[in-house]
Protein backbone atom coordinates (compact mmCIF):
# COMPACT_ATOMS: atom_id res chain seq x y z
CA MET A 1 223.10 71.39 31.52
CA MET A 2 223.19 70.94 35.27
CA GLY A 3 224.57 67.70 36.65
CA ARG A 4 224.07 66.04 39.96
CA VAL A 5 225.79 67.86 42.80
CA PRO A 6 227.17 65.57 45.52
CA PRO A 7 225.71 66.35 48.95
CA ARG A 8 227.92 68.67 50.99
CA LEU A 9 227.55 70.21 54.42
CA PHE A 10 227.57 73.97 54.77
CA PHE A 11 227.76 75.93 57.97
CA THR A 12 224.85 78.36 58.06
CA GLU A 13 226.93 81.37 59.17
CA LYS A 14 229.04 81.11 56.00
CA ILE A 15 226.26 81.03 53.41
CA LEU A 16 223.15 82.48 55.04
CA ASP A 17 222.62 85.98 56.29
CA GLY A 18 220.02 87.63 58.44
CA GLU A 19 216.59 86.31 59.27
CA VAL A 20 216.87 82.91 57.58
CA ARG A 21 220.06 82.02 59.44
CA GLU A 22 218.67 83.32 62.73
CA ALA A 23 215.44 81.32 62.31
CA LEU A 24 217.40 78.14 61.57
CA GLU A 25 219.70 78.69 64.53
CA ARG A 26 216.68 79.16 66.84
CA LEU A 27 215.63 75.69 65.69
CA GLY A 28 219.11 74.34 66.46
CA VAL A 29 220.15 74.03 62.80
CA THR A 30 223.78 75.02 62.33
CA GLU A 31 224.58 72.97 59.22
CA ILE A 32 222.62 72.44 56.03
CA GLN A 33 223.23 69.91 53.30
CA ALA A 34 223.14 70.74 49.60
CA LEU A 35 221.14 68.06 47.80
CA GLY A 36 221.62 69.33 44.26
CA ALA A 37 221.15 72.37 42.08
CA ALA A 38 218.35 73.59 39.86
CA SER A 39 217.89 76.75 37.84
CA ASN A 40 214.56 78.54 37.56
CA LEU A 41 213.69 81.38 35.18
CA ARG A 42 210.39 83.12 35.97
CA ARG A 43 208.59 85.62 33.75
CA TRP A 44 205.47 87.47 34.94
CA VAL A 45 202.74 88.21 32.39
CA GLU A 46 199.95 90.66 33.14
CA LEU A 47 196.74 89.49 31.49
CA PRO A 48 194.79 91.92 29.25
CA GLY A 49 191.12 92.75 28.77
CA VAL A 50 188.56 91.39 31.23
CA LEU A 51 191.41 89.64 33.05
CA ALA A 52 193.35 92.89 33.58
CA GLY A 53 194.82 92.75 37.07
CA SER A 54 195.40 89.00 36.89
CA ARG A 55 198.84 87.71 36.16
CA ILE A 56 200.49 84.43 35.39
CA ALA A 57 203.99 83.23 36.14
CA LEU A 58 205.79 81.32 33.40
CA ASP A 59 208.58 79.14 34.82
CA ARG A 60 211.31 77.23 33.03
CA THR A 61 213.18 75.01 35.49
CA VAL A 62 216.28 72.98 34.68
CA MET A 63 216.36 70.11 37.16
CA PRO A 64 219.39 68.07 38.22
CA GLY A 65 220.30 65.79 35.34
CA GLY A 66 219.21 68.39 32.77
CA HIS A 67 215.47 67.67 32.56
CA VAL A 68 213.52 70.88 31.82
CA ASP A 69 210.09 71.53 33.37
CA TYR A 70 207.73 74.23 32.16
CA GLU A 71 205.11 75.55 34.53
CA VAL A 72 202.35 78.16 34.46
CA GLU A 73 201.04 79.55 37.74
CA VAL A 74 197.87 81.62 37.74
CA GLU A 75 198.02 84.33 40.41
CA ASP A 76 194.60 85.75 41.31
CA ASN A 77 192.66 85.60 44.58
CA ASP A 78 189.30 86.00 42.81
CA THR A 79 187.98 82.50 42.07
CA GLY A 80 186.06 83.54 38.94
CA ARG A 81 188.91 85.51 37.42
CA ARG A 82 191.33 82.68 38.25
CA ALA A 83 189.06 80.18 36.44
CA CYS A 84 188.95 82.49 33.40
CA ALA A 85 192.73 82.83 33.43
CA VAL A 86 193.14 79.05 33.61
CA ALA A 87 190.72 78.69 30.66
CA ALA A 88 192.79 81.26 28.70
CA VAL A 89 195.99 79.29 29.38
CA ARG A 90 194.33 76.02 28.35
CA ALA A 91 193.09 77.62 25.11
CA ILE A 92 196.73 78.35 24.25
CA ALA A 93 198.14 75.10 25.67
CA PRO A 94 195.36 72.48 25.61
CA GLY A 95 197.68 69.82 27.06
CA ALA A 96 198.31 71.88 30.19
CA VAL A 97 197.25 69.99 33.31
CA PRO A 98 197.85 70.58 37.02
CA SER A 99 201.04 68.94 38.23
CA PRO A 100 200.53 66.20 40.81
CA LEU A 101 203.93 67.13 42.28
CA SER A 102 205.28 70.39 43.64
CA LYS A 103 208.46 71.87 42.21
CA TYR A 104 210.38 70.63 45.26
CA GLN A 105 208.94 67.12 44.88
CA ARG A 106 210.09 67.07 41.25
CA PHE A 107 213.52 68.33 42.36
CA ALA A 108 213.77 65.64 45.07
CA ALA A 109 212.86 62.95 42.53
CA ALA A 110 215.57 64.27 40.16
CA VAL A 111 218.31 64.05 42.81
CA GLY A 112 217.15 60.57 43.83
């Protein structure tokens, strides 16, 4: 179980490499603050049959304080195939509904 991590300042050159650090430094950011920690496990599932080529991401995220979120993301640019994939997920998990909050918003709420 993950607990709340007290905010700490980190100097970007010590923890970030390459393009991310350079982009932050161009914006004048030389320190970042850790707000907390979360753990995310993602599994990709390729869909069979008429949905072949579509895939879904299954996420299990442990938020600060130990709360566990489960999330399904349907990845398909074709609107019709995406709707079919969503229907397939809802057939398996009828209680599945779109989250009103992003993963980061849920994380921010968990760290207070």
